[in-house]
Amino acid sequence: MQKIYSGLKNLDKVTYKIIKYGLLFSTFVGLIATTFLCSYIILGVTFFYYLGITLIKESFFLAVEFIICGIIVDSIKKQT
């Protein structure tokens, strides 16, 4: 955990910007998923439930992927 924190602290500006916009996109996908889950509560259509759960999983996956891959790419760029 300490390595991830120090990796985030010393990021290149371009990599930081990519991670920032990636997390913003992930948040947007999470908000869409929340909308589908609220629609499921109101309308009771099970398709909205499965779509919302799938999108919220994808949102979490994207957030973690942007953070981890950003740190890895930054460390590779600094090695060369």
PDB file of N, CA and C in Angstrom:
ATOM      1  N   MET A   1       0.833  -1.195   0.000  1.00  0.00           N
ATOM      2  CA  MET A   1       0.000   0.000   0.000  1.00  0.00           C
ATOM      3  C   MET A   1       0.871   1.250   0.000  1.00  0.00           C
ATOM      4  N   GLN A   2       1.965   1.175   0.737  1.00  0.00           N
ATOM      5  CA  GLN A   2       2.867   2.324   0.807  1.00  0.00           C
ATOM      6  C   GLN A   2       3.489   2.603  -0.562  1.00  0.00           C
ATOM      7  N   LYS A   3       3.777   1.543  -1.331  1.00  0.00           N
ATOM      8  CA  LYS A   3       4.363   1.716  -2.659  1.00  0.00           C
ATOM      9  C   LYS A   3       3.376   2.400  -3.609  1.00  0.00           C
ATOM     10  N   ILE A   4       2.101   2.035  -3.506  1.00  0.00           N
ATOM     11  CA  ILE A   4       1.072   2.661  -4.342  1.00  0.00           C
ATOM     12  C   ILE A   4       0.937   4.143  -3.982  1.00  0.00           C
ATOM     13  N   TYR A   5       0.955   4.436  -2.699  1.00  0.00           N
ATOM     14  CA  TYR A   5       0.830   5.830  -2.266  1.00  0.00           C
ATOM     15  C   TYR A   5       2.018   6.664  -2.740  1.00  0.00           C
ATOM     16  N   SER A   6       3.222   6.114  -2.598  1.00  0.00           N
ATOM     17  CA  SER A   6       4.396   6.861  -3.060  1.00  0.00           C
ATOM     18  C   SER A   6       4.414   6.965  -4.584  1.00  0.00           C
ATOM     19  N   GLY A   7       3.887   5.947  -5.273  1.00  0.00           N
ATOM     20  CA  GLY A   7       3.789   6.000  -6.729  1.00  0.00           C
ATOM     21  C   GLY A   7       2.828   7.081  -7.191  1.00  0.00           C
ATOM     22  N   LEU A   8       1.723   7.242  -6.495  1.00  0.00           N
ATOM     23  CA  LEU A   8       0.767   8.292  -6.838  1.00  0.00           C
ATOM     24  C   LEU A   8       1.319   9.689  -6.539  1.00  0.00           C
ATOM     25  N   LYS A   9       2.164   9.755  -5.529  1.00  0.00           N
ATOM     26  CA  LYS A   9       2.706  11.044  -5.121  1.00  0.00           C
ATOM     27  C   LYS A   9       3.725  11.589  -6.131  1.00  0.00           C
ATOM     28  N   ASN A  10       4.438  10.699  -6.812  1.00  0.00           N
ATOM     29  CA  ASN A  10       5.520  11.113  -7.704  1.00  0.00           C
ATOM     30  C   ASN A  10       5.201  10.865  -9.173  1.00  0.00           C
ATOM     31  N   LEU A  11       3.976  11.076  -9.576  1.00  0.00           N
ATOM     32  CA  LEU A  11       3.581  10.818 -10.959  1.00  0.00           C
ATOM     33  C   LEU A  11       3.999  11.948 -11.886  1.00  0.00           C
ATOM     34  N   ASP A  12       4.210  11.565 -13.149  1.00  0.00           N
ATOM     35  CA  ASP A  12       4.441  12.534 -14.211  1.00  0.00           C
ATOM     36  C   ASP A  12       3.131  13.288 -14.463  1.00  0.00           C
ATOM     37  N   LYS A  13       3.214  14.522 -14.925  1.00  0.00           N
ATOM     38  CA  LYS A  13       2.007  15.336 -15.115  1.00  0.00           C
ATOM     39  C   LYS A  13       1.050  14.733 -16.140  1.00  0.00           C
ATOM     40  N   VAL A  14       1.583  14.183 -17.237  1.00  0.00           N
ATOM     41  CA  VAL A  14       0.729  13.600 -18.269  1.00  0.00           C
ATOM     42  C   VAL A  14       0.036  12.346 -17.732  1.00  0.00           C
ATOM     43  N   THR A  15       0.785  11.515 -17.023  1.00  0.00           N
ATOM     44  CA  THR A  15       0.207  10.298 -16.444  1.00  0.00           C
ATOM     45  C   THR A  15      -0.846  10.650 -15.403  1.00  0.00           C
ATOM     46  N   TYR A  16      -0.565  11.660 -14.601  1.00  0.00           N
ATOM     47  CA  TYR A  16      -1.535  12.108 -13.598  1.00  0.00           C
ATOM     48  C   TYR A  16      -2.825  12.582 -14.253  1.00  0.00           C
ATOM     49  N   LYS A  17      -2.686  13.283 -15.375  1.00  0.00           N
ATOM     50  CA  LYS A  17      -3.864  13.781 -16.084  1.00  0.00           C
ATOM     51  C   LYS A  17      -4.691  12.620 -16.648  1.00  0.00           C
ATOM     52  N   ILE A  18      -4.019  11.601 -17.181  1.00  0.00           N
ATOM     53  CA  ILE A  18      -4.723  10.427 -17.705  1.00  0.00           C
ATOM     54  C   ILE A  18      -5.463   9.703 -16.588  1.00  0.00           C
ATOM     55  N   ILE A  19      -4.809   9.531 -15.442  1.00  0.00           N
ATOM     56  CA  ILE A  19      -5.459   8.874 -14.300  1.00  0.00           C
ATOM     57  C   ILE A  19      -6.648   9.701 -13.821  1.00  0.00           C
ATOM     58  N   LYS A  20      -6.477  11.011 -13.776  1.00  0.00           N
ATOM     59  CA  LYS A  20      -7.549  11.893 -13.315  1.00  0.00           C
ATOM     60  C   LYS A  20      -8.786  11.781 -14.206  1.00  0.00           C
ATOM     61  N   TYR A  21      -8.577  11.839 -15.531  1.00  0.00           N
ATOM     62  CA  TYR A  21      -9.715  11.739 -16.441  1.00  0.00           C
ATOM     63  C   TYR A  21     -10.283  10.320 -16.483  1.00  0.00           C
ATOM     64  N   GLY A  22      -9.446   9.335 -16.274  1.00  0.00           N
ATOM     65  CA  GLY A  22      -9.933   7.955 -16.197  1.00  0.00           C
ATOM     66  C   GLY A  22     -10.832   7.748 -14.992  1.00  0.00           C
ATOM     67  N   LEU A  23     -10.448   8.316 -13.857  1.00  0.00           N
ATOM     68  CA  LEU A  23     -11.294   8.215 -12.667  1.00  0.00           C
ATOM     69  C   LEU A  23     -12.585   9.006 -12.835  1.00  0.00           C
ATOM     70  N   LEU A  24     -12.505  10.102 -13.552  1.00  0.00           N
ATOM     71  CA  LEU A  24     -13.713  10.876 -13.840  1.00  0.00           C
ATOM     72  C   LEU A  24     -14.666  10.070 -14.716  1.00  0.00           C
ATOM     73  N   PHE A  25     -14.124   9.398 -15.737  1.00  0.00           N
ATOM     74  CA  PHE A  25     -14.936   8.538 -16.588  1.00  0.00           C
ATOM     75  C   PHE A  25     -15.536   7.387 -15.791  1.00  0.00           C
ATOM     76  N   SER A  26     -14.746   6.809 -14.890  1.00  0.00           N
ATOM     77  CA  SER A  26     -15.240   5.719 -14.048  1.00  0.00           C
ATOM     78  C   SER A  26     -16.375   6.194 -13.142  1.00  0.00           C
ATOM     79  N   THR A  27     -16.255   7.396 -12.624  1.00  0.00           N
ATOM     80  CA  THR A  27     -17.318   7.963 -11.801  1.00  0.00           C
ATOM     81  C   THR A  27     -18.583   8.168 -12.621  1.00  0.00           C
ATOM     82  N   PHE A  28     -18.426   8.622 -13.859  1.00  0.00           N
ATOM     83  CA  PHE A  28     -19.565   8.811 -14.752  1.00  0.00           C
ATOM     84  C   PHE A  28     -20.279   7.487 -15.025  1.00  0.00           C
ATOM     85  N   VAL A  29     -19.515   6.429 -15.266  1.00  0.00           N
ATOM     86  CA  VAL A  29     -20.106   5.101 -15.476  1.00  0.00           C
ATOM     87  C   VAL A  29     -20.824   4.641 -14.205  1.00  0.00           C
ATOM     88  N   GLY A  30     -20.245   4.941 -13.047  1.00  0.00           N
ATOM     89  CA  GLY A  30     -20.893   4.598 -11.784  1.00  0.00           C
ATOM     90  C   GLY A  30     -22.205   5.334 -11.577  1.00  0.00           C
ATOM     91  N   LEU A  31     -22.266   6.583 -12.001  1.00  0.00           N
ATOM     92  CA  LEU A  31     -23.513   7.346 -11.897  1.00  0.00           C
ATOM     93  C   LEU A  31     -24.591   6.797 -12.829  1.00  0.00           C
ATOM     94  N   ILE A  32     -24.180   6.364 -14.021  1.00  0.00           N
ATOM     95  CA  ILE A  32     -25.140   5.738 -14.933  1.00  0.00           C
ATOM     96  C   ILE A  32     -25.658   4.438 -14.324  1.00  0.00           C
ATOM     97  N   ALA A  33     -24.757   3.674 -13.701  1.00  0.00           N
ATOM     98  CA  ALA A  33     -25.170   2.430 -13.056  1.00  0.00           C
ATOM     99  C   ALA A  33     -26.152   2.702 -11.918  1.00  0.00           C
ATOM    100  N   THR A  34     -25.898   3.755 -11.169  1.00  0.00           N
ATOM    101  CA  THR A  34     -26.806   4.118 -10.080  1.00  0.00           C
ATOM    102  C   THR A  34     -28.176   4.499 -10.620  1.00  0.00           C
ATOM    103  N   THR A  35     -28.193   5.171 -11.762  1.00  0.00           N
ATOM    104  CA  THR A  35     -29.467   5.536 -12.394  1.00  0.00           C
ATOM    105  C   THR A  35     -30.255   4.277 -12.786  1.00  0.00           C
ATOM    106  N   PHE A  36     -29.555   3.296 -13.366  1.00  0.00           N
ATOM    107  CA  PHE A  36     -30.233   2.051 -13.723  1.00  0.00           C
ATOM    108  C   PHE A  36     -30.736   1.311 -12.486  1.00  0.00           C
ATOM    109  N   LEU A  37     -29.963   1.318 -11.410  1.00  0.00           N
ATOM    110  CA  LEU A  37     -30.410   0.635 -10.196  1.00  0.00           C
ATOM    111  C   LEU A  37     -31.602   1.351  -9.561  1.00  0.00           C
ATOM    112  N   CYS A  38     -31.623   2.663  -9.622  1.00  0.00           N
ATOM    113  CA  CYS A  38     -32.795   3.403  -9.129  1.00  0.00           C
ATOM    114  C   CYS A  38     -34.012   3.138 -10.007  1.00  0.00           C
ATOM    115  N   SER A  39     -33.791   3.009 -11.311  1.00  0.00           N
ATOM    116  CA  SER A  39     -34.893   2.664 -12.215  1.00  0.00           C
ATOM    117  C   SER A  39     -35.440   1.288 -11.898  1.00  0.00           C
ATOM    118  N   TYR A  40     -34.558   0.370 -11.503  1.00  0.00           N
ATOM    119  CA  TYR A  40     -35.017  -0.957 -11.105  1.00  0.00           C
ATOM    120  C   TYR A  40     -35.914  -0.881  -9.866  1.00  0.00           C
ATOM    121  N   ILE A  41     -35.527  -0.046  -8.918  1.00  0.00           N
ATOM    122  CA  ILE A  41     -36.334   0.088  -7.702  1.00  0.00           C
ATOM    123  C   ILE A  41     -37.704   0.663  -8.039  1.00  0.00           C
ATOM    124  N   ILE A  42     -37.746   1.646  -8.924  1.00  0.00           N
ATOM    125  CA  ILE A  42     -39.008   2.308  -9.253  1.00  0.00           C
ATOM    126  C   ILE A  42     -39.881   1.444 -10.162  1.00  0.00           C
ATOM    127  N   LEU A  43     -39.278   0.887 -11.234  1.00  0.00           N
ATOM    128  CA  LEU A  43     -40.064   0.166 -12.237  1.00  0.00           C
ATOM    129  C   LEU A  43     -40.146  -1.339 -11.994  1.00  0.00           C
ATOM    130  N   GLY A  44     -39.139  -1.905 -11.368  1.00  0.00           N
ATOM    131  CA  GLY A  44     -39.156  -3.336 -11.096  1.00  0.00           C
ATOM    132  C   GLY A  44     -38.749  -4.208 -12.268  1.00  0.00           C
ATOM    133  N   VAL A  45     -38.097  -3.648 -13.277  1.00  0.00           N
ATOM    134  CA  VAL A  45     -37.646  -4.419 -14.434  1.00  0.00           C
ATOM    135  C   VAL A  45     -36.293  -5.035 -14.083  1.00  0.00           C
ATOM    136  N   THR A  46     -36.209  -6.373 -14.128  1.00  0.00           N
ATOM    137  CA  THR A  46     -34.981  -7.045 -13.694  1.00  0.00           C
ATOM    138  C   THR A  46     -33.795  -6.781 -14.623  1.00  0.00           C
ATOM    139  N   PHE A  47     -34.067  -6.440 -15.880  1.00  0.00           N
ATOM    140  CA  PHE A  47     -32.977  -6.105 -16.804  1.00  0.00           C
ATOM    141  C   PHE A  47     -32.181  -4.911 -16.288  1.00  0.00           C
ATOM    142  N   PHE A  48     -32.850  -3.915 -15.711  1.00  0.00           N
ATOM    143  CA  PHE A  48     -32.167  -2.746 -15.166  1.00  0.00           C
ATOM    144  C   PHE A  48     -31.262  -3.134 -13.997  1.00  0.00           C
ATOM    145  N   TYR A  49     -31.714  -4.117 -13.207  1.00  0.00           N
ATOM    146  CA  TYR A  49     -30.897  -4.575 -12.076  1.00  0.00           C
ATOM    147  C   TYR A  49     -29.593  -5.182 -12.577  1.00  0.00           C
ATOM    148  N   TYR A  50     -29.676  -6.105 -13.506  1.00  0.00           N
ATOM    149  CA  TYR A  50     -28.478  -6.769 -14.010  1.00  0.00           C
ATOM    150  C   TYR A  50     -27.565  -5.796 -14.758  1.00  0.00           C
ATOM    151  N   LEU A  51     -28.156  -4.880 -15.496  1.00  0.00           N
ATOM    152  CA  LEU A  51     -27.367  -3.873 -16.194  1.00  0.00           C
ATOM    153  C   LEU A  51     -26.665  -2.942 -15.202  1.00  0.00           C
ATOM    154  N   GLY A  52     -27.358  -2.529 -14.170  1.00  0.00           N
ATOM    155  CA  GLY A  52     -26.777  -1.650 -13.153  1.00  0.00           C
ATOM    156  C   GLY A  52     -25.654  -2.324 -12.384  1.00  0.00           C
ATOM    157  N   ILE A  53     -25.849  -3.577 -11.997  1.00  0.00           N
ATOM    158  CA  ILE A  53     -24.812  -4.314 -11.272  1.00  0.00           C
ATOM    159  C   ILE A  53     -23.581  -4.509 -12.154  1.00  0.00           C
ATOM    160  N   THR A  54     -23.802  -4.839 -13.423  1.00  0.00           N
ATOM    161  CA  THR A  54     -22.682  -5.024 -14.344  1.00  0.00           C
ATOM    162  C   THR A  54     -21.915  -3.722 -14.541  1.00  0.00           C
ATOM    163  N   LEU A  55     -22.622  -2.617 -14.687  1.00  0.00           N
ATOM    164  CA  LEU A  55     -21.954  -1.332 -14.875  1.00  0.00           C
ATOM    165  C   LEU A  55     -21.209  -0.880 -13.627  1.00  0.00           C
ATOM    166  N   ILE A  56     -21.738  -1.155 -12.449  1.00  0.00           N
ATOM    167  CA  ILE A  56     -21.050  -0.741 -11.227  1.00  0.00           C
ATOM    168  C   ILE A  56     -19.782  -1.566 -11.030  1.00  0.00           C
ATOM    169  N   LYS A  57     -19.830  -2.857 -11.397  1.00  0.00           N
ATOM    170  CA  LYS A  57     -18.618  -3.682 -11.353  1.00  0.00           C
ATOM    171  C   LYS A  57     -17.581  -3.154 -12.330  1.00  0.00           C
ATOM    172  N   GLU A  58     -18.026  -2.811 -13.524  1.00  0.00           N
ATOM    173  CA  GLU A  58     -17.115  -2.278 -14.542  1.00  0.00           C
ATOM    174  C   GLU A  58     -16.524  -0.940 -14.100  1.00  0.00           C
ATOM    175  N   SER A  59     -17.304  -0.132 -13.421  1.00  0.00           N
ATOM    176  CA  SER A  59     -16.819   1.149 -12.936  1.00  0.00           C
ATOM    177  C   SER A  59     -15.700   0.963 -11.914  1.00  0.00           C
ATOM    178  N   PHE A  60     -15.891   0.047 -10.973  1.00  0.00           N
ATOM    179  CA  PHE A  60     -14.849  -0.228  -9.982  1.00  0.00           C
ATOM    180  C   PHE A  60     -13.599  -0.798 -10.643  1.00  0.00           C
ATOM    181  N   PHE A  61     -13.805  -1.691 -11.608  1.00  0.00           N
ATOM    182  CA  PHE A  61     -12.680  -2.291 -12.316  1.00  0.00           C
ATOM    183  C   PHE A  61     -11.885  -1.233 -13.081  1.00  0.00           C
ATOM    184  N   LEU A  62     -12.574  -0.328 -13.750  1.00  0.00           N
ATOM    185  CA  LEU A  62     -11.902   0.732 -14.497  1.00  0.00           C
ATOM    186  C   LEU A  62     -11.113   1.661 -13.573  1.00  0.00           C
ATOM    187  N   ALA A  63     -11.681   1.990 -12.419  1.00  0.00           N
ATOM    188  CA  ALA A  63     -10.994   2.878 -11.489  1.00  0.00           C
ATOM    189  C   ALA A  63      -9.683   2.255 -11.014  1.00  0.00           C
ATOM    190  N   VAL A  64      -9.744   0.994 -10.619  1.00  0.00           N
ATOM    191  CA  VAL A  64      -8.537   0.310 -10.153  1.00  0.00           C
ATOM    192  C   VAL A  64      -7.538   0.159 -11.294  1.00  0.00           C
ATOM    193  N   GLU A  65      -8.037  -0.155 -12.476  1.00  0.00           N
ATOM    194  CA  GLU A  65      -7.148  -0.335 -13.621  1.00  0.00           C
ATOM    195  C   GLU A  65      -6.435   0.960 -13.990  1.00  0.00           C
ATOM    196  N   PHE A  66      -7.126   2.077 -13.983  1.00  0.00           N
ATOM    197  CA  PHE A  66      -6.483   3.346 -14.303  1.00  0.00           C
ATOM    198  C   PHE A  66      -5.404   3.689 -13.283  1.00  0.00           C
ATOM    199  N   ILE A  67      -5.668   3.448 -12.017  1.00  0.00           N
ATOM    200  CA  ILE A  67      -4.677   3.770 -10.986  1.00  0.00           C
ATOM    201  C   ILE A  67      -3.452   2.874 -11.104  1.00  0.00           C
ATOM    202  N   ILE A  68      -3.663   1.563 -11.147  1.00  0.00           N
ATOM    203  CA  ILE A  68      -2.544   0.629 -11.178  1.00  0.00           C
ATOM    204  C   ILE A  68      -1.744   0.760 -12.477  1.00  0.00           C
ATOM    205  N   CYS A  69      -2.435   0.801 -13.604  1.00  0.00           N
ATOM    206  CA  CYS A  69      -1.727   0.913 -14.890  1.00  0.00           C
ATOM    207  C   CYS A  69      -1.017   2.260 -15.017  1.00  0.00           C
ATOM    208  N   GLY A  70      -1.583   3.305 -14.464  1.00  0.00           N
ATOM    209  CA  GLY A  70      -0.906   4.605 -14.483  1.00  0.00           C
ATOM    210  C   GLY A  70       0.391   4.578 -13.706  1.00  0.00           C
ATOM    211  N   ILE A  71       0.391   3.932 -12.555  1.00  0.00           N
ATOM    212  CA  ILE A  71       1.614   3.825 -11.753  1.00  0.00           C
ATOM    213  C   ILE A  71       2.655   2.978 -12.478  1.00  0.00           C
ATOM    214  N   ILE A  72       2.215   1.878 -13.089  1.00  0.00           N
ATOM    215  CA  ILE A  72       3.148   0.998 -13.797  1.00  0.00           C
ATOM    216  C   ILE A  72       3.749   1.704 -15.007  1.00  0.00           C
ATOM    217  N   VAL A  73       2.916   2.381 -15.791  1.00  0.00           N
ATOM    218  CA  VAL A  73       3.432   3.095 -16.965  1.00  0.00           C
ATOM    219  C   VAL A  73       4.394   4.191 -16.549  1.00  0.00           C
ATOM    220  N   ASP A  74       4.092   4.891 -15.473  1.00  0.00           N
ATOM    221  CA  ASP A  74       4.973   5.952 -15.005  1.00  0.00           C
ATOM    222  C   ASP A  74       6.318   5.390 -14.554  1.00  0.00           C
ATOM    223  N   SER A  75       6.289   4.250 -13.871  1.00  0.00           N
ATOM    224  CA  SER A  75       7.561   3.661 -13.432  1.00  0.00           C
ATOM    225  C   SER A  75       8.373   3.149 -14.612  1.00  0.00           C
ATOM    226  N   ILE A  76       7.706   2.628 -15.667  1.00  0.00           N
ATOM    227  CA  ILE A  76       8.425   2.184 -16.858  1.00  0.00           C
ATOM    228  C   ILE A  76       9.031   3.388 -17.577  1.00  0.00           C
ATOM    229  N   LYS A  77       8.287   4.492 -17.647  1.00  0.00           N
ATOM    230  CA  LYS A  77       8.809   5.695 -18.298  1.00  0.00           C
ATOM    231  C   LYS A  77      10.023   6.247 -17.554  1.00  0.00           C
ATOM    232  N   LYS A  78      10.029   6.151 -16.250  1.00  0.00           N
ATOM    233  CA  LYS A  78      11.139   6.676 -15.465  1.00  0.00           C
ATOM    234  C   LYS A  78      12.368   5.783 -15.551  1.00  0.00           C
ATOM    235  N   GLN A  79      12.195   4.492 -15.833  1.00  0.00           N
ATOM    236  CA  GLN A  79      13.329   3.585 -15.945  1.00  0.00           C
ATOM    237  C   GLN A  79      14.101   3.779 -17.242  1.00  0.00           C
ATOM    238  N   THR A  80      13.419   4.203 -18.299  1.00  0.00           N
ATOM    239  CA  THR A  80      14.102   4.335 -19.590  1.00  0.00           C
ATOM    240  C   THR A  80      14.697   5.704 -19.785  1.00  0.00           C
TER     241      THR A  80
END
